[in-house]
Amino acid sequence: MVDLGYTDSYDDEDIKPEADLEEADLKQAGLEEADLKQAGLEEADLKQADLKEANLKGANLREAGLKKADLSDANLEDADLFGAELEKADLSEATLKDTSLCSADLSSAELTHADLTRAELNLAELRHADLHNAELFEADLEGADLKGANLKETNLRGAKLERANLSRADLTNADLRGIDVSGADLMRTTVVDHTGEEEVYATKQILHNRGAILYPTE
C-alpha cells in the first residue's frame, strides 16, 4: 500500500501508471517503489516526498516541486523535468538516461553514481551538486551552472559544456575526452596534471591535452 503521508487529497488508487496528478499536493508523501510510469505530475508538489526506487519512466514532472525529495534508485528515464525544483534532492544511483532537466534547479543535489547518459541539462542549476562517479556520457550541459560541483571520477565523455560555469568545480580523474568546453568559465576548476597525480587548476590547454574540445585554446 502506498502511504501518502501528510497528503489527504489523493487515495492509494490514484497512484498508478499514467495517473493524472497535475498540480497534486503530495508533500512528504510516502511513494517508495510506486509505479508512476508516464504519470502526469506537471507542477505537482512533491517536496520531501519519498520516491525511493519509484518507477517514473516517461513521467511528466515539468516544473514539479521536488525540493529535498528522495529519488534515490528511482527510474526517471525519458522523464520530463523541465524547470523542476530539485534543490537538495537525493538522486543517488537514479536512472536519468535521456531525461530532460533543462532549466531545472539541482543545486546541492545528491547525484552520486546517477546515470545521466544523454540527459538534457542545458541551463540547469547544479551549483555545489555532488556528481561523484556519475555517468554523463554525451549529456548536454550547455550553459549549465556547475560552480563548486563535485565531478570527481565522472564520465563526461562527449558531453557538451559550452558556456557552462565550471568555476571551482572539481574534475579530478573525470573522463574529459571529447567534451566541448568552448566559452566555459574555468576559474579555479580542479583537474589532475599530465602525470595523473597532482591536482592543479585547469587551463584550456590542459583540458585540450586531456582530449577536450575548445575554441580557442590558450
C-alpha atoms as a PDB file:
ATOM      1  CA  MET A   1       0.000   0.000   0.000  1.00  0.00           C
ATOM      2  CA  VAL A   2       1.258   3.450  -0.887  1.00  0.00           C
ATOM      3  CA  ASP A   3       1.448   5.779   2.082  1.00  0.00           C
ATOM      4  CA  LEU A   4       0.664   9.369   1.103  1.00  0.00           C
ATOM      5  CA  GLY A   5       1.939  10.697   4.404  1.00  0.00           C
ATOM      6  CA  TYR A   6       0.614  14.178   5.060  1.00  0.00           C
ATOM      7  CA  THR A   7      -1.383  14.211   1.834  1.00  0.00           C
ATOM      8  CA  ASP A   8      -5.129  13.691   2.027  1.00  0.00           C
ATOM      9  CA  SER A   9      -6.094  14.918  -1.452  1.00  0.00           C
ATOM     10  CA  TYR A  10      -5.372  11.613  -3.201  1.00  0.00           C
ATOM     11  CA  ASP A  11      -6.085   7.962  -2.408  1.00  0.00           C
ATOM     12  CA  ASP A  12      -3.792   4.998  -2.989  1.00  0.00           C
ATOM     13  CA  GLU A  13      -5.778   4.088  -6.094  1.00  0.00           C
ATOM     14  CA  ASP A  14      -4.677   7.369  -7.689  1.00  0.00           C
ATOM     15  CA  ILE A  15      -1.044   6.230  -7.604  1.00  0.00           C
ATOM     16  CA  LYS A  16      -0.741   4.186 -10.779  1.00  0.00           C
ATOM     17  CA  PRO A  17       0.881   4.272 -14.227  1.00  0.00           C
ATOM     18  CA  GLU A  18      -0.329   7.144 -16.423  1.00  0.00           C
ATOM     19  CA  ALA A  19      -2.141   8.721 -13.454  1.00  0.00           C
ATOM     20  CA  ASP A  20      -3.233  12.334 -13.823  1.00  0.00           C
ATOM     21  CA  LEU A  21      -1.742  14.101 -10.808  1.00  0.00           C
ATOM     22  CA  GLU A  22      -1.117  17.515 -12.302  1.00  0.00           C
ATOM     23  CA  GLU A  23      -0.671  20.128  -9.554  1.00  0.00           C
ATOM     24  CA  ALA A  24      -1.265  17.436  -6.915  1.00  0.00           C
ATOM     25  CA  ASP A  25      -0.321  18.190  -3.315  1.00  0.00           C
ATOM     26  CA  LEU A  26       1.941  15.267  -2.429  1.00  0.00           C
ATOM     27  CA  LYS A  27       4.273  16.932   0.057  1.00  0.00           C
ATOM     28  CA  GLN A  28       6.141  14.379   2.201  1.00  0.00           C
ATOM     29  CA  ALA A  29       4.154  11.577   0.543  1.00  0.00           C
ATOM     30  CA  GLY A  30       5.367   8.008   1.042  1.00  0.00           C
ATOM     31  CA  LEU A  31       5.745   6.793  -2.553  1.00  0.00           C
ATOM     32  CA  GLU A  32       8.618   4.359  -2.196  1.00  0.00           C
ATOM     33  CA  GLU A  33       8.623   1.851  -5.106  1.00  0.00           C
ATOM     34  CA  ALA A  34       5.440   3.440  -6.511  1.00  0.00           C
ATOM     35  CA  ASP A  35       4.694   2.734 -10.178  1.00  0.00           C
ATOM     36  CA  LEU A  36       4.074   6.129 -11.769  1.00  0.00           C
ATOM     37  CA  LYS A  37       5.295   5.300 -15.245  1.00  0.00           C
ATOM     38  CA  GLN A  38       4.211   8.023 -17.710  1.00  0.00           C
ATOM     39  CA  ALA A  39       2.190   9.733 -14.970  1.00  0.00           C
ATOM     40  CA  GLY A  40       1.182  13.367 -15.344  1.00  0.00           C
ATOM     41  CA  LEU A  41       2.781  15.217 -12.434  1.00  0.00           C
ATOM     42  CA  GLU A  42       3.273  18.626 -14.004  1.00  0.00           C
ATOM     43  CA  GLU A  43       3.618  21.306 -11.296  1.00  0.00           C
ATOM     44  CA  ALA A  44       2.905  18.710  -8.592  1.00  0.00           C
ATOM     45  CA  ASP A  45       4.166  19.498  -5.097  1.00  0.00           C
ATOM     46  CA  LEU A  46       6.421  16.595  -4.080  1.00  0.00           C
ATOM     47  CA  LYS A  47       8.680  18.406  -1.643  1.00  0.00           C
ATOM     48  CA  GLN A  48      10.379  15.958   0.733  1.00  0.00           C
ATOM     49  CA  ALA A  49       8.414  13.075  -0.807  1.00  0.00           C
ATOM     50  CA  ASP A  50       9.838   9.561  -0.521  1.00  0.00           C
ATOM     51  CA  LEU A  51      10.154   8.314  -4.126  1.00  0.00           C
ATOM     52  CA  LYS A  52      12.960   5.882  -3.457  1.00  0.00           C
ATOM     53  CA  GLU A  53      13.070   3.192  -6.180  1.00  0.00           C
ATOM     54  CA  ALA A  54       9.908   4.623  -7.753  1.00  0.00           C
ATOM     55  CA  ASN A  55       9.206   3.989 -11.437  1.00  0.00           C
ATOM     56  CA  LEU A  56       8.783   7.405 -13.069  1.00  0.00           C
ATOM     57  CA  LYS A  57       9.893   6.390 -16.541  1.00  0.00           C
ATOM     58  CA  GLY A  58       8.458   8.805 -19.096  1.00  0.00           C
ATOM     59  CA  ALA A  59       6.595  10.795 -16.417  1.00  0.00           C
ATOM     60  CA  ASN A  60       5.745  14.462 -16.917  1.00  0.00           C
ATOM     61  CA  LEU A  61       7.281  16.335 -13.996  1.00  0.00           C
ATOM     62  CA  ARG A  62       7.647  19.710 -15.680  1.00  0.00           C
ATOM     63  CA  GLU A  63       8.084  22.446 -13.061  1.00  0.00           C
ATOM     64  CA  ALA A  64       7.297  19.973 -10.274  1.00  0.00           C
ATOM     65  CA  GLY A  65       8.428  20.821  -6.737  1.00  0.00           C
ATOM     66  CA  LEU A  66      10.845  18.106  -5.610  1.00  0.00           C
ATOM     67  CA  LYS A  67      12.997  20.013  -3.140  1.00  0.00           C
ATOM     68  CA  LYS A  68      14.659  17.576  -0.699  1.00  0.00           C
ATOM     69  CA  ALA A  69      12.744  14.653  -2.237  1.00  0.00           C
ATOM     70  CA  ASP A  70      14.289  11.178  -2.006  1.00  0.00           C
ATOM     71  CA  LEU A  71      14.605   9.843  -5.566  1.00  0.00           C
ATOM     72  CA  SER A  72      17.499   7.506  -4.887  1.00  0.00           C
ATOM     73  CA  ASP A  73      17.483   4.457  -7.179  1.00  0.00           C
ATOM     74  CA  ALA A  74      14.384   5.842  -8.941  1.00  0.00           C
ATOM     75  CA  ASN A  75      13.820   5.235 -12.656  1.00  0.00           C
ATOM     76  CA  LEU A  76      13.392   8.605 -14.375  1.00  0.00           C
ATOM     77  CA  GLU A  77      14.440   7.520 -17.845  1.00  0.00           C
ATOM     78  CA  ASP A  78      12.833   9.661 -20.577  1.00  0.00           C
ATOM     79  CA  ALA A  79      11.030  11.739 -17.919  1.00  0.00           C
ATOM     80  CA  ASP A  80      10.385  15.441 -18.469  1.00  0.00           C
ATOM     81  CA  LEU A  81      11.709  17.519 -15.567  1.00  0.00           C
ATOM     82  CA  PHE A  82      11.969  20.831 -17.387  1.00  0.00           C
ATOM     83  CA  GLY A  83      12.186  23.622 -14.821  1.00  0.00           C
ATOM     84  CA  ALA A  84      11.661  21.227 -11.908  1.00  0.00           C
ATOM     85  CA  GLU A  85      12.810  22.243  -8.420  1.00  0.00           C
ATOM     86  CA  LEU A  86      15.233  19.563  -7.210  1.00  0.00           C
ATOM     87  CA  GLU A  87      17.318  21.573  -4.766  1.00  0.00           C
ATOM     88  CA  LYS A  88      18.973  19.230  -2.233  1.00  0.00           C
ATOM     89  CA  ALA A  89      17.102  16.246  -3.690  1.00  0.00           C
ATOM     90  CA  ASP A  90      18.663  12.789  -3.378  1.00  0.00           C
ATOM     91  CA  LEU A  91      19.089  11.301  -6.864  1.00  0.00           C
ATOM     92  CA  SER A  92      21.944   8.974  -5.992  1.00  0.00           C
ATOM     93  CA  GLU A  93      22.047   5.921  -8.260  1.00  0.00           C
ATOM     94  CA  ALA A  94      18.929   7.148 -10.080  1.00  0.00           C
ATOM     95  CA  THR A  95      18.406   6.366 -13.769  1.00  0.00           C
ATOM     96  CA  LEU A  96      18.081   9.595 -15.746  1.00  0.00           C
ATOM     97  CA  LYS A  97      19.004   8.398 -19.224  1.00  0.00           C
ATOM     98  CA  ASP A  98      17.621  10.660 -21.991  1.00  0.00           C
ATOM     99  CA  THR A  99      15.837  12.704 -19.312  1.00  0.00           C
ATOM    100  CA  SER A 100      15.024  16.388 -19.832  1.00  0.00           C
ATOM    101  CA  LEU A 101      16.307  18.524 -16.976  1.00  0.00           C
ATOM    102  CA  CYS A 102      16.582  21.760 -18.920  1.00  0.00           C
ATOM    103  CA  SER A 103      16.465  24.804 -16.634  1.00  0.00           C
ATOM    104  CA  ALA A 104      15.921  22.544 -13.598  1.00  0.00           C
ATOM    105  CA  ASP A 105      17.274  23.578 -10.184  1.00  0.00           C
ATOM    106  CA  LEU A 106      19.577  20.807  -8.957  1.00  0.00           C
ATOM    107  CA  SER A 107      21.677  22.970  -6.659  1.00  0.00           C
ATOM    108  CA  SER A 108      23.271  20.943  -3.839  1.00  0.00           C
ATOM    109  CA  ALA A 109      21.530  17.805  -5.159  1.00  0.00           C
ATOM    110  CA  GLU A 110      22.995  14.350  -4.490  1.00  0.00           C
ATOM    111  CA  LEU A 111      23.704  12.657  -7.854  1.00  0.00           C
ATOM    112  CA  THR A 112      26.485  10.230  -6.973  1.00  0.00           C
ATOM    113  CA  HIS A 113      26.515   7.193  -9.276  1.00  0.00           C
ATOM    114  CA  ALA A 114      23.457   8.531 -11.143  1.00  0.00           C
ATOM    115  CA  ASP A 115      23.102   7.588 -14.826  1.00  0.00           C
ATOM    116  CA  LEU A 116      22.602  10.799 -16.816  1.00  0.00           C
ATOM    117  CA  THR A 117      23.577   9.385 -20.210  1.00  0.00           C
ATOM    118  CA  ARG A 118      22.437  11.801 -22.936  1.00  0.00           C
ATOM    119  CA  ALA A 119      20.425  13.806 -20.379  1.00  0.00           C
ATOM    120  CA  GLU A 120      19.421  17.339 -21.334  1.00  0.00           C
ATOM    121  CA  LEU A 121      20.788  19.659 -18.657  1.00  0.00           C
ATOM    122  CA  ASN A 122      21.271  22.837 -20.620  1.00  0.00           C
ATOM    123  CA  LEU A 123      20.829  25.937 -18.457  1.00  0.00           C
ATOM    124  CA  ALA A 124      20.343  23.724 -15.396  1.00  0.00           C
ATOM    125  CA  GLU A 125      21.378  24.989 -11.939  1.00  0.00           C
ATOM    126  CA  LEU A 126      23.888  22.498 -10.489  1.00  0.00           C
ATOM    127  CA  ARG A 127      25.827  24.659  -8.045  1.00  0.00           C
ATOM    128  CA  HIS A 128      27.532  22.507  -5.402  1.00  0.00           C
ATOM    129  CA  ALA A 129      25.803  19.377  -6.707  1.00  0.00           C
ATOM    130  CA  ASP A 130      27.558  16.093  -5.936  1.00  0.00           C
ATOM    131  CA  LEU A 131      28.075  14.190  -9.204  1.00  0.00           C
ATOM    132  CA  HIS A 132      30.907  11.978  -7.978  1.00  0.00           C
ATOM    133  CA  ASN A 133      31.121   8.878 -10.196  1.00  0.00           C
ATOM    134  CA  ALA A 134      28.051   9.910 -12.182  1.00  0.00           C
ATOM    135  CA  GLU A 135      27.557   8.868 -15.806  1.00  0.00           C
ATOM    136  CA  LEU A 136      27.223  11.944 -18.044  1.00  0.00           C
ATOM    137  CA  PHE A 137      28.168  10.403 -21.381  1.00  0.00           C
ATOM    138  CA  GLU A 138      27.071  12.742 -24.197  1.00  0.00           C
ATOM    139  CA  ALA A 139      24.968  14.808 -21.762  1.00  0.00           C
ATOM    140  CA  ASP A 140      24.013  18.334 -22.815  1.00  0.00           C
ATOM    141  CA  LEU A 141      25.209  20.787 -20.148  1.00  0.00           C
ATOM    142  CA  GLU A 142      25.443  23.844 -22.366  1.00  0.00           C
ATOM    143  CA  GLY A 143      25.087  26.978 -20.261  1.00  0.00           C
ATOM    144  CA  ALA A 144      24.640  24.951 -17.056  1.00  0.00           C
ATOM    145  CA  ASP A 145      25.842  26.393 -13.746  1.00  0.00           C
ATOM    146  CA  LEU A 146      28.202  23.859 -12.158  1.00  0.00           C
ATOM    147  CA  LYS A 147      30.023  26.248  -9.841  1.00  0.00           C
ATOM    148  CA  GLY A 148      31.560  24.290  -6.972  1.00  0.00           C
ATOM    149  CA  ALA A 149      30.144  20.975  -8.215  1.00  0.00           C
ATOM    150  CA  ASN A 150      31.853  17.687  -7.382  1.00  0.00           C
ATOM    151  CA  LEU A 151      32.589  15.936 -10.689  1.00  0.00           C
ATOM    152  CA  LYS A 152      35.321  13.644  -9.409  1.00  0.00           C
ATOM    153  CA  GLU A 153      35.652  10.424 -11.434  1.00  0.00           C
ATOM    154  CA  THR A 154      32.627  11.394 -13.510  1.00  0.00           C
ATOM    155  CA  ASN A 155      32.291  10.107 -17.068  1.00  0.00           C
ATOM    156  CA  LEU A 156      31.849  13.283 -19.129  1.00  0.00           C
ATOM    157  CA  ARG A 157      32.988  11.757 -22.390  1.00  0.00           C
ATOM    158  CA  GLY A 158      31.386  13.572 -25.324  1.00  0.00           C
ATOM    159  CA  ALA A 159      29.426  15.938 -23.054  1.00  0.00           C
ATOM    160  CA  LYS A 160      28.521  19.451 -24.206  1.00  0.00           C
ATOM    161  CA  LEU A 161      29.714  22.099 -21.749  1.00  0.00           C
ATOM    162  CA  GLU A 162      29.852  25.172 -23.960  1.00  0.00           C
ATOM    163  CA  ARG A 163      29.438  28.353 -21.920  1.00  0.00           C
ATOM    164  CA  ALA A 164      28.960  26.310 -18.736  1.00  0.00           C
ATOM    165  CA  ASN A 165      30.078  27.727 -15.397  1.00  0.00           C
ATOM    166  CA  LEU A 166      32.713  25.308 -14.100  1.00  0.00           C
ATOM    167  CA  SER A 167      34.359  27.719 -11.695  1.00  0.00           C
ATOM    168  CA  ARG A 168      35.607  25.968  -8.549  1.00  0.00           C
ATOM    169  CA  ALA A 169      34.242  22.644  -9.853  1.00  0.00           C
ATOM    170  CA  ASP A 170      36.309  19.528  -9.140  1.00  0.00           C
ATOM    171  CA  LEU A 171      37.035  17.449 -12.266  1.00  0.00           C
ATOM    172  CA  THR A 172      39.701  15.286 -10.656  1.00  0.00           C
ATOM    173  CA  ASN A 173      40.028  11.979 -12.540  1.00  0.00           C
ATOM    174  CA  ALA A 174      36.940  12.730 -14.657  1.00  0.00           C
ATOM    175  CA  ASP A 175      36.865  11.371 -18.227  1.00  0.00           C
ATOM    176  CA  LEU A 176      37.123  14.563 -20.292  1.00  0.00           C
ATOM    177  CA  ARG A 177      37.632  13.044 -23.738  1.00  0.00           C
ATOM    178  CA  GLY A 178      35.600  14.793 -26.396  1.00  0.00           C
ATOM    179  CA  ILE A 179      33.914  17.292 -24.046  1.00  0.00           C
ATOM    180  CA  ASP A 180      33.241  20.731 -25.515  1.00  0.00           C
ATOM    181  CA  VAL A 181      34.134  23.493 -23.060  1.00  0.00           C
ATOM    182  CA  SER A 182      34.212  26.355 -25.548  1.00  0.00           C
ATOM    183  CA  GLY A 183      33.392  29.580 -23.724  1.00  0.00           C
ATOM    184  CA  ALA A 184      33.164  27.833 -20.330  1.00  0.00           C
ATOM    185  CA  ASP A 185      34.160  29.570 -17.090  1.00  0.00           C
ATOM    186  CA  LEU A 186      37.162  27.603 -15.809  1.00  0.00           C
ATOM    187  CA  MET A 187      38.225  29.820 -12.928  1.00  0.00           C
ATOM    188  CA  ARG A 188      39.786  27.620 -10.208  1.00  0.00           C
ATOM    189  CA  THR A 189      38.450  24.448 -11.833  1.00  0.00           C
ATOM    190  CA  THR A 190      40.408  21.483 -10.465  1.00  0.00           C
ATOM    191  CA  VAL A 191      41.841  18.688 -12.629  1.00  0.00           C
ATOM    192  CA  VAL A 192      44.878  16.420 -12.413  1.00  0.00           C
ATOM    193  CA  ASP A 193      48.045  17.320 -14.289  1.00  0.00           C
ATOM    194  CA  HIS A 194      49.697  15.358 -17.107  1.00  0.00           C
ATOM    195  CA  THR A 195      51.228  12.943 -14.585  1.00  0.00           C
ATOM    196  CA  GLY A 196      47.769  11.964 -13.401  1.00  0.00           C
ATOM    197  CA  GLU A 197      48.852  12.522  -9.820  1.00  0.00           C
ATOM    198  CA  GLU A 198      48.902  16.195  -8.864  1.00  0.00           C
ATOM    199  CA  GLU A 199      45.740  18.305  -8.643  1.00  0.00           C
ATOM    200  CA  VAL A 200      46.040  21.628 -10.463  1.00  0.00           C
ATOM    201  CA  TYR A 201      43.771  24.406 -11.646  1.00  0.00           C
ATOM    202  CA  ALA A 202      42.603  23.809 -15.192  1.00  0.00           C
ATOM    203  CA  THR A 203      43.655  25.851 -18.170  1.00  0.00           C
ATOM    204  CA  LYS A 204      42.184  25.465 -21.616  1.00  0.00           C
ATOM    205  CA  GLN A 205      45.492  23.989 -22.749  1.00  0.00           C
ATOM    206  CA  ILE A 206      45.461  21.352 -20.004  1.00  0.00           C
ATOM    207  CA  LEU A 207      41.908  20.379 -20.916  1.00  0.00           C
ATOM    208  CA  HIS A 208      42.855  20.296 -24.589  1.00  0.00           C
ATOM    209  CA  ASN A 209      45.682  17.924 -23.713  1.00  0.00           C
ATOM    210  CA  ARG A 210      43.166  15.728 -21.877  1.00  0.00           C
ATOM    211  CA  GLY A 211      41.078  15.400 -25.032  1.00  0.00           C
ATOM    212  CA  ALA A 212      38.617  18.266 -24.533  1.00  0.00           C
ATOM    213  CA  ILE A 213      37.355  20.395 -27.416  1.00  0.00           C
ATOM    214  CA  LEU A 214      37.508  24.163 -27.082  1.00  0.00           C
ATOM    215  CA  TYR A 215      37.877  27.254 -29.215  1.00  0.00           C
ATOM    216  CA  PRO A 216      40.301  28.844 -28.990  1.00  0.00           C
ATOM    217  CA  THR A 217      42.947  27.037 -26.948  1.00  0.00           C
ATOM    218  CA  GLU A 218      45.277  29.093 -24.770  1.00  0.00           C
END
